[in-house]
Amino acid sequence: MRFAVLALGIGVAMAGCSAKQTAATDQSATGQRTTRRTNVITLQEIRENGTAPSLSDLIRQVRPGWPSNVTVFVNNDPFGGPESLRNLSVSNTSEIRFITKSEAQMKWGSRFQDVIQVITR
């Protein structure tokens, strides 16, 4: 009887554990289910859409809802306005981030509005 109760308890515990997904499972590169963060364009997305002639075209294709009136940063340095995205190479870019006004002001000071940060390789 004790053995049956113990086996039942272990079975229930194992079923509960298998139903839960851990953060490590969700973030694994080999996981079938990926979560897309809308404020980041990843290297994978850049490679999948690598036919875009410029970063401004790539951003319009991949994240059409991002604001167009932004300051552009390359790595952590101010680079220019939104038109400067036309001069940046898609092939040298590893990640693109949209940073809201409040986040940008905390990071770089009150003179900045929304920022698109381009991280290069």
PDB file of N, CA and C in Angstrom:
ATOM      1  N   MET A   1       0.822  -1.192   0.000  1.00  0.00           N
ATOM      2  CA  MET A   1       0.000   0.000   0.000  1.00  0.00           C
ATOM      3  C   MET A   1       0.865   1.256   0.000  1.00  0.00           C
ATOM      4  N   ARG A   2       1.887   1.259   0.863  1.00  0.00           N
ATOM      5  CA  ARG A   2       2.780   2.413   0.901  1.00  0.00           C
ATOM      6  C   ARG A   2       3.458   2.619  -0.446  1.00  0.00           C
ATOM      7  N   PHE A   3       3.851   1.519  -1.060  1.00  0.00           N
ATOM      8  CA  PHE A   3       4.521   1.590  -2.352  1.00  0.00           C
ATOM      9  C   PHE A   3       3.600   2.215  -3.400  1.00  0.00           C
ATOM     10  N   ALA A   4       2.330   1.854  -3.397  1.00  0.00           N
ATOM     11  CA  ALA A   4       1.364   2.389  -4.356  1.00  0.00           C
ATOM     12  C   ALA A   4       1.167   3.878  -4.152  1.00  0.00           C
ATOM     13  N   VAL A   5       1.083   4.328  -2.915  1.00  0.00           N
ATOM     14  CA  VAL A   5       0.913   5.750  -2.611  1.00  0.00           C
ATOM     15  C   VAL A   5       2.160   6.528  -3.027  1.00  0.00           C
ATOM     16  N   LEU A   6       3.348   5.959  -2.737  1.00  0.00           N
ATOM     17  CA  LEU A   6       4.602   6.601  -3.115  1.00  0.00           C
ATOM     18  C   LEU A   6       4.712   6.699  -4.640  1.00  0.00           C
ATOM     19  N   ALA A   7       4.368   5.650  -5.348  1.00  0.00           N
ATOM     20  CA  ALA A   7       4.424   5.656  -6.806  1.00  0.00           C
ATOM     21  C   ALA A   7       3.451   6.672  -7.387  1.00  0.00           C
ATOM     22  N   LEU A   8       2.258   6.756  -6.815  1.00  0.00           N
ATOM     23  CA  LEU A   8       1.270   7.717  -7.271  1.00  0.00           C
ATOM     24  C   LEU A   8       1.775   9.143  -7.043  1.00  0.00           C
ATOM     25  N   GLY A   9       2.375   9.399  -5.877  1.00  0.00           N
ATOM     26  CA  GLY A   9       2.918  10.732  -5.572  1.00  0.00           C
ATOM     27  C   GLY A   9       4.034  11.127  -6.531  1.00  0.00           C
ATOM     28  N   ILE A  10       4.911  10.199  -6.831  1.00  0.00           N
ATOM     29  CA  ILE A  10       5.999  10.479  -7.765  1.00  0.00           C
ATOM     30  C   ILE A  10       5.445  10.741  -9.160  1.00  0.00           C
ATOM     31  N   GLY A  11       4.454   9.977  -9.572  1.00  0.00           N
ATOM     32  CA  GLY A  11       3.840  10.160 -10.885  1.00  0.00           C
ATOM     33  C   GLY A  11       3.197  11.526 -11.025  1.00  0.00           C
ATOM     34  N   VAL A  12       2.476  11.957  -9.988  1.00  0.00           N
ATOM     35  CA  VAL A  12       1.836  13.269 -10.001  1.00  0.00           C
ATOM     36  C   VAL A  12       2.890  14.367 -10.049  1.00  0.00           C
ATOM     37  N   ALA A  13       3.947  14.224  -9.258  1.00  0.00           N
ATOM     38  CA  ALA A  13       5.013  15.225  -9.230  1.00  0.00           C
ATOM     39  C   ALA A  13       5.703  15.330 -10.584  1.00  0.00           C
ATOM     40  N   MET A  14       5.955  14.197 -11.209  1.00  0.00           N
ATOM     41  CA  MET A  14       6.622  14.205 -12.510  1.00  0.00           C
ATOM     42  C   MET A  14       5.727  14.814 -13.578  1.00  0.00           C
ATOM     43  N   ALA A  15       4.450  14.552 -13.524  1.00  0.00           N
ATOM     44  CA  ALA A  15       3.521  15.117 -14.499  1.00  0.00           C
ATOM     45  C   ALA A  15       3.474  16.635 -14.357  1.00  0.00           C
ATOM     46  N   GLY A  16       3.476  17.127 -13.131  1.00  0.00           N
ATOM     47  CA  GLY A  16       3.471  18.569 -12.894  1.00  0.00           C
ATOM     48  C   GLY A  16       4.738  19.226 -13.404  1.00  0.00           C
ATOM     49  N   CYS A  17       5.879  18.566 -13.192  1.00  0.00           N
ATOM     50  CA  CYS A  17       7.158  19.121 -13.644  1.00  0.00           C
ATOM     51  C   CYS A  17       7.241  19.149 -15.155  1.00  0.00           C
ATOM     52  N   SER A  18       6.725  18.126 -15.814  1.00  0.00           N
ATOM     53  CA  SER A  18       6.834  18.073 -17.272  1.00  0.00           C
ATOM     54  C   SER A  18       5.904  19.075 -17.939  1.00  0.00           C
ATOM     55  N   ALA A  19       4.851  19.487 -17.258  1.00  0.00           N
ATOM     56  CA  ALA A  19       3.919  20.447 -17.838  1.00  0.00           C
ATOM     57  C   ALA A  19       4.461  21.868 -17.772  1.00  0.00           C
ATOM     58  N   LYS A  20       5.364  22.130 -16.852  1.00  0.00           N
ATOM     59  CA  LYS A  20       5.912  23.475 -16.700  1.00  0.00           C
ATOM     60  C   LYS A  20       7.076  23.661 -17.653  1.00  0.00           C
ATOM     61  N   GLN A  21       7.188  24.875 -18.204  1.00  0.00           N
ATOM     62  CA  GLN A  21       8.351  25.206 -19.010  1.00  0.00           C
ATOM     63  C   GLN A  21       9.193  26.180 -18.217  1.00  0.00           C
ATOM     64  N   THR A  22      10.464  25.925 -18.141  1.00  0.00           N
ATOM     65  CA  THR A  22      11.346  26.808 -17.391  1.00  0.00           C
ATOM     66  C   THR A  22      11.843  27.917 -18.299  1.00  0.00           C
ATOM     67  N   ALA A  23      12.416  28.949 -17.705  1.00  0.00           N
ATOM     68  CA  ALA A  23      12.973  30.048 -18.480  1.00  0.00           C
ATOM     69  C   ALA A  23      14.083  29.551 -19.390  1.00  0.00           C
ATOM     70  N   ALA A  24      14.858  28.591 -18.917  1.00  0.00           N
ATOM     71  CA  ALA A  24      15.943  28.054 -19.742  1.00  0.00           C
ATOM     72  C   ALA A  24      15.385  27.375 -20.991  1.00  0.00           C
ATOM     73  N   THR A  25      14.261  26.684 -20.852  1.00  0.00           N
ATOM     74  CA  THR A  25      13.646  26.032 -22.000  1.00  0.00           C
ATOM     75  C   THR A  25      13.158  27.066 -23.001  1.00  0.00           C
ATOM     76  N   ASP A  26      12.525  28.122 -22.520  1.00  0.00           N
ATOM     77  CA  ASP A  26      11.997  29.150 -23.403  1.00  0.00           C
ATOM     78  C   ASP A  26      13.099  29.893 -24.148  1.00  0.00           C
ATOM     79  N   GLN A  27      14.281  30.009 -23.551  1.00  0.00           N
ATOM     80  CA  GLN A  27      15.335  30.804 -24.140  1.00  0.00           C
ATOM     81  C   GLN A  27      16.344  29.991 -24.933  1.00  0.00           C
ATOM     82  N   SER A  28      16.186  28.692 -24.975  1.00  0.00           N
ATOM     83  CA  SER A  28      17.171  27.873 -25.667  1.00  0.00           C
ATOM     84  C   SER A  28      17.123  28.139 -27.166  1.00  0.00           C
ATOM     85  N   ALA A  29      18.288  28.093 -27.780  1.00  0.00           N
ATOM     86  CA  ALA A  29      18.380  28.340 -29.212  1.00  0.00           C
ATOM     87  C   ALA A  29      17.752  27.211 -30.016  1.00  0.00           C
ATOM     88  N   THR A  30      17.710  26.029 -29.441  1.00  0.00           N
ATOM     89  CA  THR A  30      17.159  24.890 -30.166  1.00  0.00           C
ATOM     90  C   THR A  30      15.686  24.675 -29.893  1.00  0.00           C
ATOM     91  N   GLY A  31      15.100  25.469 -29.000  1.00  0.00           N
ATOM     92  CA  GLY A  31      13.684  25.315 -28.681  1.00  0.00           C
ATOM     93  C   GLY A  31      12.822  25.589 -29.896  1.00  0.00           C
ATOM     94  N   GLN A  32      11.725  24.873 -30.022  1.00  0.00           N
ATOM     95  CA  GLN A  32      10.850  25.060 -31.166  1.00  0.00           C
ATOM     96  C   GLN A  32      10.008  26.318 -31.010  1.00  0.00           C
ATOM     97  N   ARG A  33       9.764  26.702 -29.787  1.00  0.00           N
ATOM     98  CA  ARG A  33       8.938  27.873 -29.534  1.00  0.00           C
ATOM     99  C   ARG A  33       9.837  29.052 -29.202  1.00  0.00           C
ATOM    100  N   THR A  34       9.785  30.101 -29.998  1.00  0.00           N
ATOM    101  CA  THR A  34      10.584  31.284 -29.724  1.00  0.00           C
ATOM    102  C   THR A  34       9.656  32.456 -29.484  1.00  0.00           C
ATOM    103  N   THR A  35      10.056  33.320 -28.608  1.00  0.00           N
ATOM    104  CA  THR A  35       9.288  34.505 -28.301  1.00  0.00           C
ATOM    105  C   THR A  35       9.988  35.694 -28.942  1.00  0.00           C
ATOM    106  N   ARG A  36       9.267  36.451 -29.726  1.00  0.00           N
ATOM    107  CA  ARG A  36       9.859  37.591 -30.402  1.00  0.00           C
ATOM    108  C   ARG A  36       9.642  38.843 -29.562  1.00  0.00           C
ATOM    109  N   ARG A  37      10.752  39.480 -29.211  1.00  0.00           N
ATOM    110  CA  ARG A  37      10.654  40.748 -28.501  1.00  0.00           C
ATOM    111  C   ARG A  37      10.493  41.839 -29.543  1.00  0.00           C
ATOM    112  N   THR A  38       9.467  42.642 -29.395  1.00  0.00           N
ATOM    113  CA  THR A  38       9.185  43.642 -30.414  1.00  0.00           C
ATOM    114  C   THR A  38      10.118  44.835 -30.360  1.00  0.00           C
ATOM    115  N   ASN A  39      10.863  45.003 -29.274  1.00  0.00           N
ATOM    116  CA  ASN A  39      11.782  46.139 -29.190  1.00  0.00           C
ATOM    117  C   ASN A  39      13.194  45.784 -29.651  1.00  0.00           C
ATOM    118  N   VAL A  40      13.406  44.551 -30.123  1.00  0.00           N
ATOM    119  CA  VAL A  40      14.726  44.115 -30.573  1.00  0.00           C
ATOM    120  C   VAL A  40      14.593  43.373 -31.899  1.00  0.00           C
ATOM    121  N   ILE A  41      15.475  43.710 -32.834  1.00  0.00           N
ATOM    122  CA  ILE A  41      15.613  42.934 -34.062  1.00  0.00           C
ATOM    123  C   ILE A  41      16.900  42.144 -33.897  1.00  0.00           C
ATOM    124  N   THR A  42      16.768  40.846 -33.867  1.00  0.00           N
ATOM    125  CA  THR A  42      17.899  39.972 -33.576  1.00  0.00           C
ATOM    126  C   THR A  42      18.736  39.700 -34.827  1.00  0.00           C
ATOM    127  N   LEU A  43      19.914  39.122 -34.618  1.00  0.00           N
ATOM    128  CA  LEU A  43      20.786  38.739 -35.724  1.00  0.00           C
ATOM    129  C   LEU A  43      20.075  37.751 -36.650  1.00  0.00           C
ATOM    130  N   GLN A  44      19.323  36.841 -36.074  1.00  0.00           N
ATOM    131  CA  GLN A  44      18.578  35.871 -36.889  1.00  0.00           C
ATOM    132  C   GLN A  44      17.593  36.582 -37.819  1.00  0.00           C
ATOM    133  N   GLU A  45      16.868  37.561 -37.293  1.00  0.00           N
ATOM    134  CA  GLU A  45      15.920  38.300 -38.126  1.00  0.00           C
ATOM    135  C   GLU A  45      16.650  39.122 -39.191  1.00  0.00           C
ATOM    136  N   ILE A  46      17.809  39.665 -38.825  1.00  0.00           N
ATOM    137  CA  ILE A  46      18.599  40.437 -39.794  1.00  0.00           C
ATOM    138  C   ILE A  46      19.042  39.521 -40.927  1.00  0.00           C
ATOM    139  N   ARG A  47      19.509  38.332 -40.594  1.00  0.00           N
ATOM    140  CA  ARG A  47      19.955  37.376 -41.623  1.00  0.00           C
ATOM    141  C   ARG A  47      18.792  36.921 -42.500  1.00  0.00           C
ATOM    142  N   GLU A  48      17.630  36.691 -41.888  1.00  0.00           N
ATOM    143  CA  GLU A  48      16.455  36.248 -42.653  1.00  0.00           C
ATOM    144  C   GLU A  48      15.962  37.316 -43.614  1.00  0.00           C
ATOM    145  N   ASN A  49      16.209  38.583 -43.297  1.00  0.00           N
ATOM    146  CA  ASN A  49      15.747  39.698 -44.126  1.00  0.00           C
ATOM    147  C   ASN A  49      16.933  40.470 -44.696  1.00  0.00           C
ATOM    148  N   GLY A  50      18.032  39.787 -44.914  1.00  0.00           N
ATOM    149  CA  GLY A  50      19.280  40.410 -45.326  1.00  0.00           C
ATOM    150  C   GLY A  50      19.278  41.019 -46.712  1.00  0.00           C
ATOM    151  N   THR A  51      18.195  40.872 -47.458  1.00  0.00           N
ATOM    152  CA  THR A  51      18.146  41.443 -48.806  1.00  0.00           C
ATOM    153  C   THR A  51      17.796  42.929 -48.788  1.00  0.00           C
ATOM    154  N   ALA A  52      17.447  43.469 -47.630  1.00  0.00           N
ATOM    155  CA  ALA A  52      17.122  44.891 -47.538  1.00  0.00           C
ATOM    156  C   ALA A  52      18.377  45.711 -47.847  1.00  0.00           C
ATOM    157  N   PRO A  53      18.263  46.735 -48.687  1.00  0.00           N
ATOM    158  CA  PRO A  53      19.442  47.517 -49.065  1.00  0.00           C
ATOM    159  C   PRO A  53      20.017  48.377 -47.944  1.00  0.00           C
ATOM    160  N   SER A  54      19.205  48.717 -46.948  1.00  0.00           N
ATOM    161  CA  SER A  54      19.700  49.553 -45.845  1.00  0.00           C
ATOM    162  C   SER A  54      18.982  49.180 -44.556  1.00  0.00           C
ATOM    163  N   LEU A  55      19.506  49.690 -43.454  1.00  0.00           N
ATOM    164  CA  LEU A  55      18.862  49.411 -42.169  1.00  0.00           C
ATOM    165  C   LEU A  55      17.483  50.052 -42.074  1.00  0.00           C
ATOM    166  N   SER A  56      17.302  51.203 -42.680  1.00  0.00           N
ATOM    167  CA  SER A  56      15.965  51.822 -42.638  1.00  0.00           C
ATOM    168  C   SER A  56      14.946  50.943 -43.349  1.00  0.00           C
ATOM    169  N   ASP A  57      15.333  50.342 -44.477  1.00  0.00           N
ATOM    170  CA  ASP A  57      14.430  49.421 -45.186  1.00  0.00           C
ATOM    171  C   ASP A  57      14.173  48.165 -44.367  1.00  0.00           C
ATOM    172  N   LEU A  58      15.221  47.640 -43.749  1.00  0.00           N
ATOM    173  CA  LEU A  58      15.083  46.444 -42.915  1.00  0.00           C
ATOM    174  C   LEU A  58      14.115  46.698 -41.759  1.00  0.00           C
ATOM    175  N   ILE A  59      14.266  47.816 -41.082  1.00  0.00           N
ATOM    176  CA  ILE A  59      13.390  48.146 -39.949  1.00  0.00           C
ATOM    177  C   ILE A  59      11.947  48.297 -40.420  1.00  0.00           C
ATOM    178  N   ARG A  60      11.733  48.950 -41.558  1.00  0.00           N
ATOM    179  CA  ARG A  60      10.364  49.096 -42.085  1.00  0.00           C
ATOM    180  C   ARG A  60       9.745  47.740 -42.402  1.00  0.00           C
ATOM    181  N   GLN A  61      10.556  46.794 -42.868  1.00  0.00           N
ATOM    182  CA  GLN A  61      10.046  45.462 -43.200  1.00  0.00           C
ATOM    183  C   GLN A  61       9.742  44.644 -41.949  1.00  0.00           C
ATOM    184  N   VAL A  62      10.673  44.670 -40.988  1.00  0.00           N
ATOM    185  CA  VAL A  62      10.589  43.771 -39.839  1.00  0.00           C
ATOM    186  C   VAL A  62       9.775  44.370 -38.691  1.00  0.00           C
ATOM    187  N   ARG A  63       9.887  45.659 -38.445  1.00  0.00           N
ATOM    188  CA  ARG A  63       9.146  46.342 -37.376  1.00  0.00           C
ATOM    189  C   ARG A  63       8.494  47.621 -37.909  1.00  0.00           C
ATOM    190  N   PRO A  64       7.467  47.469 -38.728  1.00  0.00           N
ATOM    191  CA  PRO A  64       6.847  48.660 -39.330  1.00  0.00           C
ATOM    192  C   PRO A  64       6.211  49.607 -38.321  1.00  0.00           C
ATOM    193  N   GLY A  65       5.961  49.157 -37.108  1.00  0.00           N
ATOM    194  CA  GLY A  65       5.335  50.007 -36.104  1.00  0.00           C
ATOM    195  C   GLY A  65       6.295  50.886 -35.325  1.00  0.00           C
ATOM    196  N   TRP A  66       7.597  50.726 -35.548  1.00  0.00           N
ATOM    197  CA  TRP A  66       8.564  51.559 -34.819  1.00  0.00           C
ATOM    198  C   TRP A  66       8.458  53.003 -35.302  1.00  0.00           C
ATOM    199  N   PRO A  67       8.580  53.955 -34.384  1.00  0.00           N
ATOM    200  CA  PRO A  67       8.528  55.376 -34.779  1.00  0.00           C
ATOM    201  C   PRO A  67       9.664  55.716 -35.746  1.00  0.00           C
ATOM    202  N   SER A  68       9.412  56.700 -36.596  1.00  0.00           N
ATOM    203  CA  SER A  68      10.437  57.086 -37.566  1.00  0.00           C
ATOM    204  C   SER A  68      11.217  58.322 -37.129  1.00  0.00           C
ATOM    205  N   ASN A  69      10.711  59.065 -36.165  1.00  0.00           N
ATOM    206  CA  ASN A  69      11.402  60.263 -35.691  1.00  0.00           C
ATOM    207  C   ASN A  69      12.231  59.897 -34.461  1.00  0.00           C
ATOM    208  N   VAL A  70      13.446  59.424 -34.702  1.00  0.00           N
ATOM    209  CA  VAL A  70      14.297  58.909 -33.635  1.00  0.00           C
ATOM    210  C   VAL A  70      15.717  59.459 -33.771  1.00  0.00           C
ATOM    211  N   THR A  71      16.479  59.298 -32.703  1.00  0.00           N
ATOM    212  CA  THR A  71      17.922  59.504 -32.759  1.00  0.00           C
ATOM    213  C   THR A  71      18.547  58.126 -32.942  1.00  0.00           C
ATOM    214  N   VAL A  72      19.534  58.040 -33.807  1.00  0.00           N
ATOM    215  CA  VAL A  72      20.197  56.772 -34.061  1.00  0.00           C
ATOM    216  C   VAL A  72      21.519  56.732 -33.307  1.00  0.00           C
ATOM    217  N   PHE A  73      21.719  55.652 -32.579  1.00  0.00           N
ATOM    218  CA  PHE A  73      22.977  55.397 -31.896  1.00  0.00           C
ATOM    219  C   PHE A  73      23.627  54.193 -32.557  1.00  0.00           C
ATOM    220  N   VAL A  74      24.933  54.242 -32.741  1.00  0.00           N
ATOM    221  CA  VAL A  74      25.689  53.069 -33.159  1.00  0.00           C
ATOM    222  C   VAL A  74      26.490  52.650 -31.943  1.00  0.00           C
ATOM    223  N   ASN A  75      26.211  51.457 -31.478  1.00  0.00           N
ATOM    224  CA  ASN A  75      26.703  50.948 -30.200  1.00  0.00           C
ATOM    225  C   ASN A  75      26.228  51.900 -29.116  1.00  0.00           C
ATOM    226  N   ASN A  76      27.065  52.695 -28.500  1.00  0.00           N
ATOM    227  CA  ASN A  76      26.611  53.631 -27.463  1.00  0.00           C
ATOM    228  C   ASN A  76      26.876  55.085 -27.821  1.00  0.00           C
ATOM    229  N   ASP A  77      27.132  55.346 -29.103  1.00  0.00           N
ATOM    230  CA  ASP A  77      27.467  56.702 -29.539  1.00  0.00           C
ATOM    231  C   ASP A  77      26.380  57.263 -30.448  1.00  0.00           C
ATOM    232  N   PRO A  78      25.980  58.535 -30.222  1.00  0.00           N
ATOM    233  CA  PRO A  78      25.006  59.161 -31.118  1.00  0.00           C
ATOM    234  C   PRO A  78      25.566  59.204 -32.538  1.00  0.00           C
ATOM    235  N   PHE A  79      24.722  58.881 -33.522  1.00  0.00           N
ATOM    236  CA  PHE A  79      25.182  58.798 -34.902  1.00  0.00           C
ATOM    237  C   PHE A  79      24.445  59.779 -35.810  1.00  0.00           C
ATOM    238  N   GLY A  80      23.200  60.091 -35.482  1.00  0.00           N
ATOM    239  CA  GLY A  80      22.440  61.014 -36.312  1.00  0.00           C
ATOM    240  C   GLY A  80      20.958  60.792 -36.179  1.00  0.00           C
ATOM    241  N   GLY A  81      20.234  61.351 -37.139  1.00  0.00           N
ATOM    242  CA  GLY A  81      18.790  61.207 -37.161  1.00  0.00           C
ATOM    243  C   GLY A  81      18.373  59.968 -37.923  1.00  0.00           C
ATOM    244  N   PRO A  82      17.084  59.823 -38.179  1.00  0.00           N
ATOM    245  CA  PRO A  82      16.577  58.620 -38.837  1.00  0.00           C
ATOM    246  C   PRO A  82      17.154  58.409 -40.236  1.00  0.00           C
ATOM    247  N   GLU A  83      17.510  59.496 -40.914  1.00  0.00           N
ATOM    248  CA  GLU A  83      18.076  59.364 -42.265  1.00  0.00           C
ATOM    249  C   GLU A  83      19.430  58.674 -42.257  1.00  0.00           C
ATOM    250  N   SER A  84      20.122  58.680 -41.130  1.00  0.00           N
ATOM    251  CA  SER A  84      21.441  58.038 -41.040  1.00  0.00           C
ATOM    252  C   SER A  84      21.352  56.513 -41.133  1.00  0.00           C
ATOM    253  N   LEU A  85      20.162  55.956 -40.914  1.00  0.00           N
ATOM    254  CA  LEU A  85      19.990  54.501 -41.048  1.00  0.00           C
ATOM    255  C   LEU A  85      20.221  54.038 -42.481  1.00  0.00           C
ATOM    256  N   ARG A  86      20.046  54.950 -43.446  1.00  0.00           N
ATOM    257  CA  ARG A  86      20.277  54.590 -44.852  1.00  0.00           C
ATOM    258  C   ARG A  86      21.762  54.364 -45.143  1.00  0.00           C
ATOM    259  N   ASN A  87      22.634  54.923 -44.289  1.00  0.00           N
ATOM    260  CA  ASN A  87      24.075  54.828 -44.516  1.00  0.00           C
ATOM    261  C   ASN A  87      24.737  53.699 -43.742  1.00  0.00           C
ATOM    262  N   LEU A  88      23.966  52.936 -42.983  1.00  0.00           N
ATOM    263  CA  LEU A  88      24.542  51.861 -42.173  1.00  0.00           C
ATOM    264  C   LEU A  88      24.351  50.516 -42.864  1.00  0.00           C
ATOM    265  N   SER A  89      25.383  49.710 -42.807  1.00  0.00           N
ATOM    266  CA  SER A  89      25.394  48.420 -43.486  1.00  0.00           C
ATOM    267  C   SER A  89      24.607  47.369 -42.707  1.00  0.00           C
ATOM    268  N   VAL A  90      23.759  46.661 -43.414  1.00  0.00           N
ATOM    269  CA  VAL A  90      23.007  45.559 -42.821  1.00  0.00           C
ATOM    270  C   VAL A  90      23.968  44.433 -42.434  1.00  0.00           C
ATOM    271  N   SER A  91      24.993  44.201 -43.249  1.00  0.00           N
ATOM    272  CA  SER A  91      25.900  43.063 -43.027  1.00  0.00           C
ATOM    273  C   SER A  91      26.783  43.217 -41.788  1.00  0.00           C
ATOM    274  N   ASN A  92      27.007  44.443 -41.313  1.00  0.00           N
ATOM    275  CA  ASN A  92      27.831  44.651 -40.118  1.00  0.00           C
ATOM    276  C   ASN A  92      27.010  44.777 -38.839  1.00  0.00           C
ATOM    277  N   THR A  93      25.718  44.548 -38.923  1.00  0.00           N
ATOM    278  CA  THR A  93      24.819  44.745 -37.789  1.00  0.00           C
ATOM    279  C   THR A  93      24.484  43.414 -37.132  1.00  0.00           C
ATOM    280  N   SER A  94      24.612  43.368 -35.798  1.00  0.00           N
ATOM    281  CA  SER A  94      24.269  42.142 -35.079  1.00  0.00           C
ATOM    282  C   SER A  94      22.944  42.258 -34.331  1.00  0.00           C
ATOM    283  N   GLU A  95      22.488  43.487 -34.056  1.00  0.00           N
ATOM    284  CA  GLU A  95      21.226  43.668 -33.335  1.00  0.00           C
ATOM    285  C   GLU A  95      20.788  45.113 -33.497  1.00  0.00           C
ATOM    286  N   ILE A  96      19.475  45.317 -33.487  1.00  0.00           N
ATOM    287  CA  ILE A  96      18.901  46.662 -33.538  1.00  0.00           C
ATOM    288  C   ILE A  96      17.876  46.742 -32.426  1.00  0.00           C
ATOM    289  N   ARG A  97      17.966  47.790 -31.621  1.00  0.00           N
ATOM    290  CA  ARG A  97      17.049  47.951 -30.481  1.00  0.00           C
ATOM    291  C   ARG A  97      16.292  49.261 -30.584  1.00  0.00           C
ATOM    292  N   PHE A  98      15.008  49.205 -30.256  1.00  0.00           N
ATOM    293  CA  PHE A  98      14.228  50.427 -30.086  1.00  0.00           C
ATOM    294  C   PHE A  98      14.194  50.742 -28.604  1.00  0.00           C
ATOM    295  N   ILE A  99      14.597  51.955 -28.252  1.00  0.00           N
ATOM    296  CA  ILE A  99      14.651  52.377 -26.855  1.00  0.00           C
ATOM    297  C   ILE A  99      13.724  53.577 -26.694  1.00  0.00           C
ATOM    298  N   THR A 100      12.776  53.462 -25.788  1.00  0.00           N
ATOM    299  CA  THR A 100      11.796  54.522 -25.581  1.00  0.00           C
ATOM    300  C   THR A 100      12.456  55.779 -25.014  1.00  0.00           C
ATOM    301  N   LYS A 101      11.737  56.865 -25.108  1.00  0.00           N
ATOM    302  CA  LYS A 101      12.223  58.161 -24.618  1.00  0.00           C
ATOM    303  C   LYS A 101      12.676  58.073 -23.164  1.00  0.00           C
ATOM    304  N   SER A 102      11.861  57.468 -22.307  1.00  0.00           N
ATOM    305  CA  SER A 102      12.211  57.410 -20.884  1.00  0.00           C
ATOM    306  C   SER A 102      13.448  56.555 -20.648  1.00  0.00           C
ATOM    307  N   GLU A 103      13.563  55.434 -21.369  1.00  0.00           N
ATOM    308  CA  GLU A 103      14.755  54.592 -21.233  1.00  0.00           C
ATOM    309  C   GLU A 103      15.992  55.314 -21.758  1.00  0.00           C
ATOM    310  N   ALA A 104      15.847  55.999 -22.894  1.00  0.00           N
ATOM    311  CA  ALA A 104      16.970  56.734 -23.488  1.00  0.00           C
ATOM    312  C   ALA A 104      17.434  57.859 -22.573  1.00  0.00           C
ATOM    313  N   GLN A 105      16.500  58.558 -21.948  1.00  0.00           N
ATOM    314  CA  GLN A 105      16.876  59.658 -21.063  1.00  0.00           C
ATOM    315  C   GLN A 105      17.562  59.155 -19.806  1.00  0.00           C
ATOM    316  N   MET A 106      17.164  57.991 -19.315  1.00  0.00           N
ATOM    317  CA  MET A 106      17.856  57.415 -18.150  1.00  0.00           C
ATOM    318  C   MET A 106      19.275  57.003 -18.529  1.00  0.00           C
ATOM    319  N   LYS A 107      19.449  56.525 -19.748  1.00  0.00           N
ATOM    320  CA  LYS A 107      20.748  56.010 -20.175  1.00  0.00           C
ATOM    321  C   LYS A 107      21.697  57.101 -20.679  1.00  0.00           C
ATOM    322  N   TRP A 108      21.164  58.053 -21.485  1.00  0.00           N
ATOM    323  CA  TRP A 108      22.039  59.028 -22.126  1.00  0.00           C
ATOM    324  C   TRP A 108      21.736  60.477 -21.786  1.00  0.00           C
ATOM    325  N   GLY A 109      20.711  60.765 -21.006  1.00  0.00           N
ATOM    326  CA  GLY A 109      20.417  62.138 -20.624  1.00  0.00           C
ATOM    327  C   GLY A 109      19.137  62.663 -21.239  1.00  0.00           C
ATOM    328  N   SER A 110      18.701  63.797 -20.726  1.00  0.00           N
ATOM    329  CA  SER A 110      17.378  64.328 -21.052  1.00  0.00           C
ATOM    330  C   SER A 110      17.252  64.885 -22.461  1.00  0.00           C
ATOM    331  N   ARG A 111      18.326  65.055 -23.178  1.00  0.00           N
ATOM    332  CA  ARG A 111      18.220  65.659 -24.512  1.00  0.00           C
ATOM    333  C   ARG A 111      17.755  64.677 -25.583  1.00  0.00           C
ATOM    334  N   PHE A 112      17.618  63.391 -25.248  1.00  0.00           N
ATOM    335  CA  PHE A 112      17.248  62.387 -26.245  1.00  0.00           C
ATOM    336  C   PHE A 112      15.783  61.992 -26.136  1.00  0.00           C
ATOM    337  N   GLN A 113      15.215  61.740 -27.300  1.00  0.00           N
ATOM    338  CA  GLN A 113      13.854  61.224 -27.393  1.00  0.00           C
ATOM    339  C   GLN A 113      13.950  59.716 -27.627  1.00  0.00           C
ATOM    340  N   ASP A 114      13.089  59.161 -28.458  1.00  0.00           N
ATOM    341  CA  ASP A 114      13.180  57.744 -28.808  1.00  0.00           C
ATOM    342  C   ASP A 114      14.485  57.489 -29.551  1.00  0.00           C
ATOM    343  N   VAL A 115      15.060  56.307 -29.323  1.00  0.00           N
ATOM    344  CA  VAL A 115      16.357  55.966 -29.903  1.00  0.00           C
ATOM    345  C   VAL A 115      16.259  54.617 -30.608  1.00  0.00           C
ATOM    346  N   ILE A 116      16.902  54.511 -31.757  1.00  0.00           N
ATOM    347  CA  ILE A 116      17.182  53.225 -32.358  1.00  0.00           C
ATOM    348  C   ILE A 116      18.680  53.012 -32.204  1.00  0.00           C
ATOM    349  N   GLN A 117      19.026  51.949 -31.477  1.00  0.00           N
ATOM    350  CA  GLN A 117      20.424  51.632 -31.220  1.00  0.00           C
ATOM    351  C   GLN A 117      20.837  50.467 -32.110  1.00  0.00           C
ATOM    352  N   VAL A 118      21.864  50.697 -32.898  1.00  0.00           N
ATOM    353  CA  VAL A 118      22.394  49.678 -33.800  1.00  0.00           C
ATOM    354  C   VAL A 118      23.651  49.108 -33.146  1.00  0.00           C
ATOM    355  N   ILE A 119      23.654  47.811 -32.921  1.00  0.00           N
ATOM    356  CA  ILE A 119      24.806  47.135 -32.342  1.00  0.00           C
ATOM    357  C   ILE A 119      25.551  46.465 -33.495  1.00  0.00           C
ATOM    358  N   THR A 120      26.813  46.827 -33.652  1.00  0.00           N
ATOM    359  CA  THR A 120      27.598  46.278 -34.745  1.00  0.00           C
ATOM    360  C   THR A 120      28.450  45.111 -34.290  1.00  0.00           C
ATOM    361  N   ARG A 121      28.931  44.353 -35.270  1.00  0.00           N
ATOM    362  CA  ARG A 121      29.787  43.192 -34.974  1.00  0.00           C
ATOM    363  C   ARG A 121      31.200  43.628 -34.728  1.00  0.00           C
TER     364      ARG A 121
END
